[in-house]
C-alpha atoms as a PDB file:
ATOM      1  CA  MET A   1      20.390  44.651 -65.653  1.00  0.00           C
ATOM      2  CA  PHE A   2      21.632  44.210 -62.074  1.00  0.00           C
ATOM      3  CA  GLY A   3      24.986  42.794 -63.009  1.00  0.00           C
ATOM      4  CA  PRO A   4      27.245  45.851 -62.508  1.00  0.00           C
ATOM      5  CA  CYS A   5      25.460  46.897 -59.356  1.00  0.00           C
ATOM      6  CA  TRP A   6      25.554  43.367 -57.903  1.00  0.00           C
ATOM      7  CA  LYS A   7      29.342  43.104 -58.652  1.00  0.00           C
ATOM      8  CA  LEU A   8      30.098  46.410 -56.998  1.00  0.00           C
ATOM      9  CA  GLY A   9      28.013  45.407 -53.945  1.00  0.00           C
ATOM     10  CA  VAL A  10      29.876  42.115 -53.655  1.00  0.00           C
ATOM     11  CA  ASP A  11      33.250  43.672 -54.240  1.00  0.00           C
ATOM     12  CA  THR A  12      32.544  46.337 -51.603  1.00  0.00           C
ATOM     13  CA  THR A  13      31.444  43.729 -49.132  1.00  0.00           C
ATOM     14  CA  LEU A  14      34.533  41.613 -49.746  1.00  0.00           C
ATOM     15  CA  LEU A  15      36.670  44.739 -49.280  1.00  0.00           C
ATOM     16  CA  ALA A  16      35.097  45.322 -45.935  1.00  0.00           C
ATOM     17  CA  PHE A  17      35.778  41.806 -44.749  1.00  0.00           C
ATOM     18  CA  GLU A  18      39.343  41.853 -46.109  1.00  0.00           C
ATOM     19  CA  ALA A  19      40.026  45.230 -44.529  1.00  0.00           C
ATOM     20  CA  GLN A  20      38.828  43.896 -41.123  1.00  0.00           C
ATOM     21  CA  ALA A  21      41.317  41.071 -41.376  1.00  0.00           C
ATOM     22  CA  VAL A  22      44.141  43.565 -42.071  1.00  0.00           C
ATOM     23  CA  ILE A  23      42.975  45.738 -39.227  1.00  0.00           C
ATOM     24  CA  GLY A  24      43.287  42.719 -36.894  1.00  0.00           C
ATOM     25  CA  LEU A  25      46.772  41.857 -38.084  1.00  0.00           C
ATOM     26  CA  ARG A  26      47.887  45.448 -37.727  1.00  0.00           C
ATOM     27  CA  MET A  27      46.372  45.727 -34.263  1.00  0.00           C
ATOM     28  CA  ALA A  28      48.360  42.690 -33.229  1.00  0.00           C
ATOM     29  CA  LYS A  29      51.556  44.169 -34.620  1.00  0.00           C
ATOM     30  CA  LEU A  30      50.940  47.539 -32.999  1.00  0.00           C
ATOM     31  CA  ALA A  31      50.136  45.850 -29.631  1.00  0.00           C
ATOM     32  CA  ALA A  32      53.489  44.108 -29.700  1.00  0.00           C
ATOM     33  CA  GLY A  33      55.160  47.485 -29.721  1.00  0.00           C
ATOM     34  CA  GLY A  34      58.735  48.257 -30.640  1.00  0.00           C
ATOM     35  CA  THR A  35      60.316  49.612 -33.758  1.00  0.00           C
ATOM     36  CA  ALA A  36      58.297  47.216 -36.009  1.00  0.00           C
ATOM     37  CA  ALA A  37      55.111  48.672 -34.587  1.00  0.00           C
ATOM     38  CA  GLN A  38      56.331  52.257 -35.142  1.00  0.00           C
ATOM     39  CA  ALA A  39      57.286  51.440 -38.721  1.00  0.00           C
ATOM     40  CA  GLU A  40      53.890  49.836 -39.371  1.00  0.00           C
ATOM     41  CA  ALA A  41      52.027  52.827 -37.920  1.00  0.00           C
ATOM     42  CA  GLU A  42      53.964  55.181 -40.187  1.00  0.00           C
ATOM     43  CA  ARG A  43      53.448  52.920 -43.182  1.00  0.00           C
ATOM     44  CA  MET A  44      49.774  52.644 -42.478  1.00  0.00           C
ATOM     45  CA  VAL A  45      49.285  56.419 -42.394  1.00  0.00           C
ATOM     46  CA  SER A  46      51.305  57.070 -45.543  1.00  0.00           C
ATOM     47  CA  GLU A  47      49.494  54.253 -47.386  1.00  0.00           C
ATOM     48  CA  LYS A  48      46.137  55.656 -46.493  1.00  0.00           C
ATOM     49  CA  VAL A  49      47.014  59.134 -47.643  1.00  0.00           C
ATOM     50  CA  PHE A  50      48.458  57.851 -50.941  1.00  0.00           C
ATOM     51  CA  ALA A  51      45.464  55.537 -51.561  1.00  0.00           C
ATOM     52  CA  ALA A  52      42.952  58.308 -50.966  1.00  0.00           C
ATOM     53  CA  GLY A  53      44.866  60.600 -53.339  1.00  0.00           C
ATOM     54  CA  GLU A  54      45.002  57.841 -55.932  1.00  0.00           C
ATOM     55  CA  ALA A  55      41.241  57.140 -55.637  1.00  0.00           C
ATOM     56  CA  ALA A  56      40.482  60.816 -55.986  1.00  0.00           C
ATOM     57  CA  MET A  57      42.596  61.027 -59.138  1.00  0.00           C
ATOM     58  CA  GLN A  58      40.953  57.922 -60.534  1.00  0.00           C
ATOM     59  CA  LEU A  59      37.501  59.425 -60.022  1.00  0.00           C
ATOM     60  CA  ALA A  60      38.517  62.823 -61.358  1.00  0.00           C
ATOM     61  CA  THR A  61      39.789  61.210 -64.537  1.00  0.00           C
ATOM     62  CA  GLY A  62      36.586  59.229 -65.108  1.00  0.00           C
ATOM     63  CA  ALA A  63      37.243  55.829 -63.583  1.00  0.00           C
ATOM     64  CA  SER A  64      34.366  53.853 -62.291  1.00  0.00           C
ATOM     65  CA  THR A  65      33.642  53.262 -58.653  1.00  0.00           C
ATOM     66  CA  GLY A  66      34.291  49.584 -59.362  1.00  0.00           C
ATOM     67  CA  ALA A  67      37.781  50.426 -60.515  1.00  0.00           C
ATOM     68  CA  VAL A  68      38.422  52.291 -57.297  1.00  0.00           C
ATOM     69  CA  VAL A  69      37.129  49.457 -55.155  1.00  0.00           C
ATOM     70  CA  ALA A  70      39.265  47.020 -57.171  1.00  0.00           C
ATOM     71  CA  GLY A  71      42.377  49.219 -56.456  1.00  0.00           C
ATOM     72  CA  TYR A  72      41.634  49.286 -52.735  1.00  0.00           C
ATOM     73  CA  ARG A  73      41.062  45.480 -52.748  1.00  0.00           C
ATOM     74  CA  ARG A  74      44.530  44.952 -54.402  1.00  0.00           C
ATOM     75  CA  LYS A  75      46.191  47.106 -51.759  1.00  0.00           C
ATOM     76  CA  VAL A  76      44.357  45.362 -48.883  1.00  0.00           C
ATOM     77  CA  ARG A  77      45.264  41.927 -50.220  1.00  0.00           C
ATOM     78  CA  ALA A  78      48.929  42.935 -50.503  1.00  0.00           C
ATOM     79  CA  ASN A  79      48.915  44.188 -46.924  1.00  0.00           C
ATOM     80  CA  HIS A  80      47.262  40.948 -45.731  1.00  0.00           C
ATOM     81  CA  ARG A  81      49.976  38.845 -47.507  1.00  0.00           C
ATOM     82  CA  ARG A  82      52.750  41.061 -46.022  1.00  0.00           C
ATOM     83  CA  LEU A  83      51.392  41.073 -42.482  1.00  0.00           C
ATOM     84  CA  SER A  84      50.441  37.386 -42.475  1.00  0.00           C
ATOM     85  CA  HIS A  85      53.844  36.342 -43.695  1.00  0.00           C
ATOM     86  CA  ARG A  86      55.715  38.368 -41.092  1.00  0.00           C
ATOM     87  CA  SER A  87      53.515  37.188 -38.220  1.00  0.00           C
ATOM     88  CA  ARG A  88      54.473  33.495 -38.732  1.00  0.00           C
END
């Protein structure tokens, strides 16, 4: 009975923790300054606009909130991998 709600709650909580890690990595990159920081800032804004539009389209076409959260988690994990790799 509580399975789907529990999974959504866990996935949303994980998204929050994963997003905080990406925010930390991005802040470090932005604090370093330079052209890489400028490119990251531009990328961040365009990614957020695209992701919001994609989420709105998913919801408008009947996708579940779980599917939207899963999509955001995929994007956040990809950013974490990209930012972690470059910072080494």
